[in-house]
Amino acid sequence: MNFFNEYALLVAVAVPVLAIAGLNLFLWIGGERGTLILPTTQDRLSAWQATEAAPAAVTDTTPASVGDVAEAPANDAEVRKAA
């Protein structure tokens, strides 16, 4: 029983640390960068400035209107049957 008491605290501390390290490894292998729980070697200020330097261009992808739209009430019985 003394053996269990000696190493129970070690196991209780090691399991969550290994779980977080495993999650970080899984995310890193999956391609995630800069979102990990453990500290990284990348400078946060340089990463922040890099995202501000190149803003993404906004493109309007709204389709042009094709023609007249038939206005019908949504609670019309025929419209509900057709739906």
N, C-alpha and C. Protein backbone atom coordinates (compact mmCIF):
# COMPACT_ATOMS: atom_id res chain seq x y z
N MET A 1 0.81 -1.20 0.00
CA MET A 1 0.00 0.00 0.00
C MET A 1 0.85 1.26 0.00
N ASN A 2 2.03 1.17 0.58
CA ASN A 2 2.91 2.32 0.63
C ASN A 2 3.37 2.70 -0.78
N PHE A 3 3.56 1.70 -1.64
CA PHE A 3 3.95 1.96 -3.02
C PHE A 3 2.89 2.79 -3.74
N PHE A 4 1.62 2.46 -3.52
CA PHE A 4 0.52 3.20 -4.13
C PHE A 4 0.49 4.64 -3.63
N ASN A 5 0.68 4.84 -2.36
CA ASN A 5 0.66 6.19 -1.79
C ASN A 5 1.80 7.05 -2.32
N GLU A 6 2.93 6.44 -2.57
CA GLU A 6 4.09 7.19 -3.05
C GLU A 6 3.87 7.72 -4.47
N TYR A 7 3.26 6.91 -5.31
CA TYR A 7 3.17 7.27 -6.72
C TYR A 7 1.79 7.77 -7.15
N ALA A 8 0.83 7.83 -6.25
CA ALA A 8 -0.50 8.31 -6.62
C ALA A 8 -0.47 9.78 -6.99
N LEU A 9 0.28 10.59 -6.26
CA LEU A 9 0.37 12.01 -6.59
C LEU A 9 1.08 12.22 -7.92
N LEU A 10 2.10 11.44 -8.18
CA LEU A 10 2.81 11.55 -9.46
C LEU A 10 1.88 11.23 -10.63
N VAL A 11 1.07 10.21 -10.48
CA VAL A 11 0.13 9.83 -11.53
C VAL A 11 -0.96 10.89 -11.68
N ALA A 12 -1.43 11.43 -10.55
CA ALA A 12 -2.50 12.43 -10.58
C ALA A 12 -2.04 13.71 -11.27
N VAL A 13 -0.78 14.04 -11.21
CA VAL A 13 -0.25 15.23 -11.87
C VAL A 13 0.14 14.93 -13.31
N ALA A 14 0.67 13.75 -13.55
CA ALA A 14 1.20 13.42 -14.88
C ALA A 14 0.09 13.19 -15.91
N VAL A 15 -1.02 12.63 -15.51
CA VAL A 15 -2.08 12.30 -16.48
C VAL A 15 -2.64 13.55 -17.16
N PRO A 16 -3.04 14.63 -16.43
CA PRO A 16 -3.54 15.82 -17.14
C PRO A 16 -2.47 16.51 -17.99
N VAL A 17 -1.23 16.51 -17.50
CA VAL A 17 -0.16 17.14 -18.28
C VAL A 17 0.07 16.37 -19.57
N LEU A 18 0.08 15.06 -19.50
CA LEU A 18 0.26 14.26 -20.71
C LEU A 18 -0.95 14.38 -21.65
N ALA A 19 -2.14 14.54 -21.09
CA ALA A 19 -3.33 14.71 -21.94
C ALA A 19 -3.25 16.02 -22.70
N ILE A 20 -2.85 17.10 -22.04
CA ILE A 20 -2.73 18.40 -22.72
C ILE A 20 -1.62 18.36 -23.76
N ALA A 21 -0.50 17.73 -23.42
CA ALA A 21 0.59 17.61 -24.39
C ALA A 21 0.14 16.78 -25.59
N GLY A 22 -0.63 15.72 -25.36
CA GLY A 22 -1.13 14.89 -26.46
C GLY A 22 -2.10 15.65 -27.35
N LEU A 23 -2.99 16.45 -26.73
CA LEU A 23 -3.91 17.27 -27.52
C LEU A 23 -3.17 18.29 -28.37
N ASN A 24 -2.14 18.91 -27.79
CA ASN A 24 -1.35 19.87 -28.55
C ASN A 24 -0.62 19.20 -29.71
N LEU A 25 -0.09 18.01 -29.48
CA LEU A 25 0.59 17.29 -30.55
C LEU A 25 -0.39 16.94 -31.66
N PHE A 26 -1.58 16.49 -31.29
CA PHE A 26 -2.61 16.15 -32.27
C PHE A 26 -2.99 17.38 -33.10
N LEU A 27 -3.18 18.54 -32.45
CA LEU A 27 -3.51 19.76 -33.18
C LEU A 27 -2.37 20.20 -34.08
N TRP A 28 -1.14 20.08 -33.59
CA TRP A 28 0.01 20.51 -34.38
C TRP A 28 0.17 19.63 -35.61
N ILE A 29 -0.03 18.33 -35.46
CA ILE A 29 0.05 17.43 -36.61
C ILE A 29 -1.07 17.73 -37.60
N GLY A 30 -2.23 18.15 -37.09
CA GLY A 30 -3.36 18.48 -37.95
C GLY A 30 -3.22 19.82 -38.67
N GLY A 31 -2.17 20.58 -38.37
CA GLY A 31 -1.93 21.82 -39.09
C GLY A 31 -2.28 23.08 -38.34
N GLU A 32 -2.74 22.96 -37.11
CA GLU A 32 -3.07 24.16 -36.33
C GLU A 32 -1.79 24.84 -35.89
N ARG A 33 -1.74 26.15 -36.06
CA ARG A 33 -0.58 26.91 -35.62
C ARG A 33 -1.05 28.11 -34.83
N GLY A 34 -0.43 28.35 -33.69
CA GLY A 34 -0.75 29.51 -32.87
C GLY A 34 -2.00 29.36 -32.04
N THR A 35 -2.61 28.19 -32.00
CA THR A 35 -3.82 28.00 -31.20
C THR A 35 -3.61 26.96 -30.11
N LEU A 36 -2.37 26.62 -29.85
CA LEU A 36 -2.10 25.56 -28.90
C LEU A 36 -2.19 26.06 -27.47
N ILE A 37 -2.38 25.14 -26.55
CA ILE A 37 -2.54 25.49 -25.14
C ILE A 37 -1.19 25.78 -24.51
N LEU A 38 -0.20 24.99 -24.85
CA LEU A 38 1.14 25.19 -24.30
C LEU A 38 1.83 26.35 -25.02
N PRO A 39 2.78 27.02 -24.37
CA PRO A 39 3.48 28.13 -25.02
C PRO A 39 4.25 27.68 -26.25
N THR A 40 4.36 28.57 -27.23
CA THR A 40 5.11 28.27 -28.45
C THR A 40 6.33 29.17 -28.52
N THR A 41 7.20 28.89 -29.46
CA THR A 41 8.41 29.69 -29.63
C THR A 41 8.18 30.90 -30.53
N GLN A 42 7.02 30.98 -31.18
CA GLN A 42 6.74 32.08 -32.09
C GLN A 42 6.44 33.36 -31.31
N ASP A 43 6.96 34.46 -31.79
CA ASP A 43 6.70 35.75 -31.17
C ASP A 43 5.27 36.18 -31.51
N ARG A 44 4.46 36.45 -30.50
CA ARG A 44 3.06 36.80 -30.73
C ARG A 44 2.91 38.16 -31.43
N LEU A 45 3.78 39.11 -31.14
CA LEU A 45 3.67 40.42 -31.75
C LEU A 45 3.92 40.34 -33.26
N SER A 46 4.91 39.56 -33.68
CA SER A 46 5.17 39.45 -35.12
C SER A 46 4.03 38.73 -35.84
N ALA A 47 3.41 37.74 -35.20
CA ALA A 47 2.28 37.05 -35.82
C ALA A 47 1.08 37.98 -35.92
N TRP A 48 0.89 38.82 -34.93
CA TRP A 48 -0.23 39.75 -34.94
C TRP A 48 -0.04 40.80 -36.03
N GLN A 49 1.18 41.30 -36.19
CA GLN A 49 1.45 42.30 -37.22
C GLN A 49 1.34 41.70 -38.61
N ALA A 50 1.67 40.43 -38.77
CA ALA A 50 1.58 39.78 -40.07
C ALA A 50 0.12 39.66 -40.51
N THR A 51 -0.79 39.43 -39.58
CA THR A 51 -2.20 39.32 -39.96
C THR A 51 -2.79 40.69 -40.27
N GLU A 52 -2.29 41.74 -39.64
CA GLU A 52 -2.81 43.07 -39.93
C GLU A 52 -2.24 43.64 -41.23
N ALA A 53 -1.09 43.17 -41.66
CA ALA A 53 -0.43 43.73 -42.83
C ALA A 53 -1.16 43.38 -44.13
N ALA A 54 -1.75 42.21 -44.19
CA ALA A 54 -2.38 41.77 -45.43
C ALA A 54 -3.88 41.50 -45.21
N PRO A 55 -4.71 42.54 -45.27
CA PRO A 55 -6.14 42.30 -45.10
C PRO A 55 -6.71 41.60 -46.33
N ALA A 56 -7.67 40.75 -46.10
CA ALA A 56 -8.29 40.01 -47.20
C ALA A 56 -9.24 40.92 -47.98
N ALA A 57 -9.24 40.76 -49.29
CA ALA A 57 -10.13 41.54 -50.13
C ALA A 57 -11.55 41.00 -50.02
N VAL A 58 -12.51 41.89 -49.94
CA VAL A 58 -13.91 41.50 -49.84
C VAL A 58 -14.52 41.51 -51.23
N THR A 59 -15.17 40.41 -51.60
CA THR A 59 -15.79 40.29 -52.91
C THR A 59 -17.28 40.09 -52.73
N ASP A 60 -18.07 40.85 -53.48
CA ASP A 60 -19.52 40.71 -53.41
C ASP A 60 -19.94 39.57 -54.31
N THR A 61 -20.51 38.54 -53.73
CA THR A 61 -20.94 37.37 -54.50
C THR A 61 -22.45 37.25 -54.56
N THR A 62 -23.16 38.35 -54.33
CA THR A 62 -24.61 38.33 -54.39
C THR A 62 -25.05 38.20 -55.85
N PRO A 63 -25.93 37.24 -56.16
CA PRO A 63 -26.36 37.10 -57.55
C PRO A 63 -27.24 38.26 -57.97
N ALA A 64 -27.16 38.60 -59.23
CA ALA A 64 -28.00 39.68 -59.76
C ALA A 64 -29.44 39.19 -59.84
N SER A 65 -30.37 40.12 -59.75
CA SER A 65 -31.78 39.72 -59.81
C SER A 65 -32.12 39.26 -61.23
N VAL A 66 -32.90 38.20 -61.30
CA VAL A 66 -33.20 37.58 -62.59
C VAL A 66 -34.42 38.19 -63.23
N GLY A 67 -35.39 38.54 -62.47
CA GLY A 67 -36.61 39.08 -63.03
C GLY A 67 -37.58 39.44 -61.93
N ASP A 68 -38.85 39.48 -62.29
CA ASP A 68 -39.86 39.79 -61.30
C ASP A 68 -40.05 38.61 -60.35
N VAL A 69 -40.22 38.93 -59.10
CA VAL A 69 -40.45 37.90 -58.09
C VAL A 69 -41.93 37.92 -57.74
N ALA A 70 -42.56 36.77 -57.76
CA ALA A 70 -43.98 36.70 -57.42
C ALA A 70 -44.12 36.83 -55.91
N GLU A 71 -44.86 37.83 -55.52
CA GLU A 71 -45.07 38.06 -54.09
C GLU A 71 -46.30 37.25 -53.66
N ALA A 72 -46.10 36.29 -52.79
CA ALA A 72 -47.20 35.49 -52.27
C ALA A 72 -47.03 35.40 -50.77
N PRO A 73 -48.10 35.47 -50.03
CA PRO A 73 -47.97 35.36 -48.58
C PRO A 73 -47.50 33.96 -48.19
N ALA A 74 -46.68 33.89 -47.18
CA ALA A 74 -46.12 32.62 -46.76
C ALA A 74 -47.15 31.71 -46.12
N ASN A 75 -48.25 32.27 -45.63
CA ASN A 75 -49.25 31.43 -44.99
C ASN A 75 -50.39 31.06 -45.93
N ASP A 76 -50.23 31.26 -47.22
CA ASP A 76 -51.24 30.90 -48.20
C ASP A 76 -51.31 29.35 -48.27
N ALA A 77 -52.52 28.83 -48.36
CA ALA A 77 -52.70 27.37 -48.34
C ALA A 77 -52.04 26.70 -49.54
N GLU A 78 -52.13 27.32 -50.71
CA GLU A 78 -51.53 26.73 -51.90
C GLU A 78 -49.99 26.74 -51.81
N VAL A 79 -49.46 27.80 -51.21
CA VAL A 79 -48.01 27.87 -51.05
C VAL A 79 -47.54 26.80 -50.08
N ARG A 80 -48.30 26.58 -49.00
CA ARG A 80 -47.93 25.55 -48.04
C ARG A 80 -48.04 24.16 -48.64
N LYS A 81 -48.99 23.92 -49.53
CA LYS A 81 -49.09 22.63 -50.20
C LYS A 81 -47.91 22.43 -51.13
N ALA A 82 -47.51 23.48 -51.83
CA ALA A 82 -46.42 23.37 -52.79
C ALA A 82 -45.08 23.12 -52.07
N ALA A 83 -44.98 23.64 -50.88
CA ALA A 83 -43.73 23.48 -50.15
C ALA A 83 -43.66 22.06 -49.64
